[in-house]
Amino acid sequence: HDEFKVLSGSDGMLKMWNVHDGTVVRDLLTGIQGVWQVVFEGRWCVAASNRNPATVLDVWDFGTDEDEWIGEPPSGFYDD
């Protein structure tokens, strides 16, 4: 989402890291079997991951403020 963040996928999780100090910024996904691909485009991030037995696309809008990002809820369903 900026030049100071990097994503990594292992141990059933997708994490965002701060490259300056090596700390975890946030866990984006947990309970996954694998990450197929992650793409950033401006403020948007899309990750294709495997969650038994399906491949799932997760989309996050990181907006302009780090504290105001929007992502898919853990249940995968949005309230109306």
Protein backbone atom coordinates (compact mmCIF):
# COMPACT_ATOMS: atom_id res chain seq x y z
CA HIS A 1 0.00 0.00 0.00
CA ASP A 2 3.07 2.16 0.20
CA GLU A 3 6.78 1.70 -0.25
CA PHE A 4 7.21 0.91 3.46
CA LYS A 5 4.96 -2.17 3.65
CA VAL A 6 5.36 -5.72 2.39
CA LEU A 7 3.05 -8.76 2.50
CA SER A 8 4.08 -12.32 3.26
CA GLY A 9 2.14 -15.56 3.35
CA SER A 10 3.15 -18.56 5.44
CA ASP A 11 1.92 -20.72 8.32
CA GLY A 12 -1.69 -20.27 7.21
CA MET A 13 -1.60 -16.47 7.41
CA LEU A 14 -1.14 -13.41 5.20
CA LYS A 15 0.61 -10.61 7.11
CA MET A 16 1.52 -7.00 6.39
CA TRP A 17 4.97 -5.94 7.64
CA ASN A 18 6.65 -2.58 8.18
CA VAL A 19 9.98 -2.76 6.32
CA HIS A 20 11.57 -0.04 8.47
CA ASP A 21 11.42 -1.88 11.78
CA GLY A 22 10.37 -5.44 10.82
CA THR A 23 7.16 -5.37 12.86
CA VAL A 24 3.82 -6.85 11.86
CA VAL A 25 1.38 -4.08 10.94
CA ARG A 26 -1.61 -6.44 10.83
CA ASP A 27 -2.74 -9.96 10.00
CA LEU A 28 -4.81 -9.74 6.83
CA LEU A 29 -5.86 -13.40 6.57
CA THR A 30 -5.71 -16.37 8.91
CA GLY A 31 -6.68 -20.01 8.52
CA ILE A 32 -5.67 -20.26 4.86
CA GLN A 33 -3.95 -23.21 3.17
CA GLY A 34 -2.04 -21.15 0.61
CA VAL A 35 -1.74 -17.77 -1.08
CA TRP A 36 -1.81 -17.86 -4.87
CA GLN A 37 -1.27 -14.20 -5.69
CA VAL A 38 -1.39 -10.74 -4.14
CA VAL A 39 -1.71 -7.53 -6.16
CA PHE A 40 -1.60 -3.91 -5.01
CA GLU A 41 -3.03 -1.20 -7.23
CA GLY A 42 -2.94 2.20 -5.58
CA ARG A 43 -5.02 1.92 -2.43
CA TRP A 44 -6.52 -1.48 -3.37
CA CYS A 45 -5.16 -4.92 -2.56
CA VAL A 46 -6.51 -8.23 -3.87
CA ALA A 47 -5.34 -11.62 -2.61
CA ALA A 48 -6.21 -15.01 -4.06
CA SER A 49 -5.95 -17.68 -1.37
CA ASN A 50 -6.99 -21.26 -0.79
CA ARG A 51 -9.44 -21.92 2.03
CA ASN A 52 -10.51 -25.51 2.11
CA PRO A 53 -11.97 -26.43 -0.34
CA ALA A 54 -12.22 -23.19 -2.36
CA THR A 55 -10.08 -20.46 -3.86
CA VAL A 56 -11.20 -17.11 -2.43
CA LEU A 57 -10.53 -13.53 -3.52
CA ASP A 58 -10.19 -11.00 -0.69
CA VAL A 59 -10.25 -7.27 -1.45
CA TRP A 60 -9.08 -4.45 0.82
CA ASP A 61 -9.41 -0.71 0.37
CA PHE A 62 -6.59 0.89 2.33
CA GLY A 63 -7.87 4.39 1.57
CA THR A 64 -5.68 7.38 2.24
CA ASP A 65 -5.39 6.96 6.01
CA GLU A 66 -3.71 3.83 7.43
CA ASP A 67 -6.24 3.64 10.26
CA GLU A 68 -9.25 3.69 7.91
CA TRP A 69 -8.87 0.57 5.80
CA ILE A 70 -11.80 -1.58 4.75
CA GLY A 71 -11.60 -5.31 4.20
CA GLU A 72 -13.78 -8.34 4.02
CA PRO A 73 -15.06 -9.37 7.46
CA PRO A 74 -13.76 -12.69 8.84
CA SER A 75 -17.12 -14.36 8.20
CA GLY A 76 -16.92 -13.40 4.53
CA PHE A 77 -20.38 -11.81 4.69
CA TYR A 78 -21.27 -8.14 4.92
CA ASP A 79 -24.18 -6.90 7.02
CA ASP A 80 -26.76 -4.89 5.08
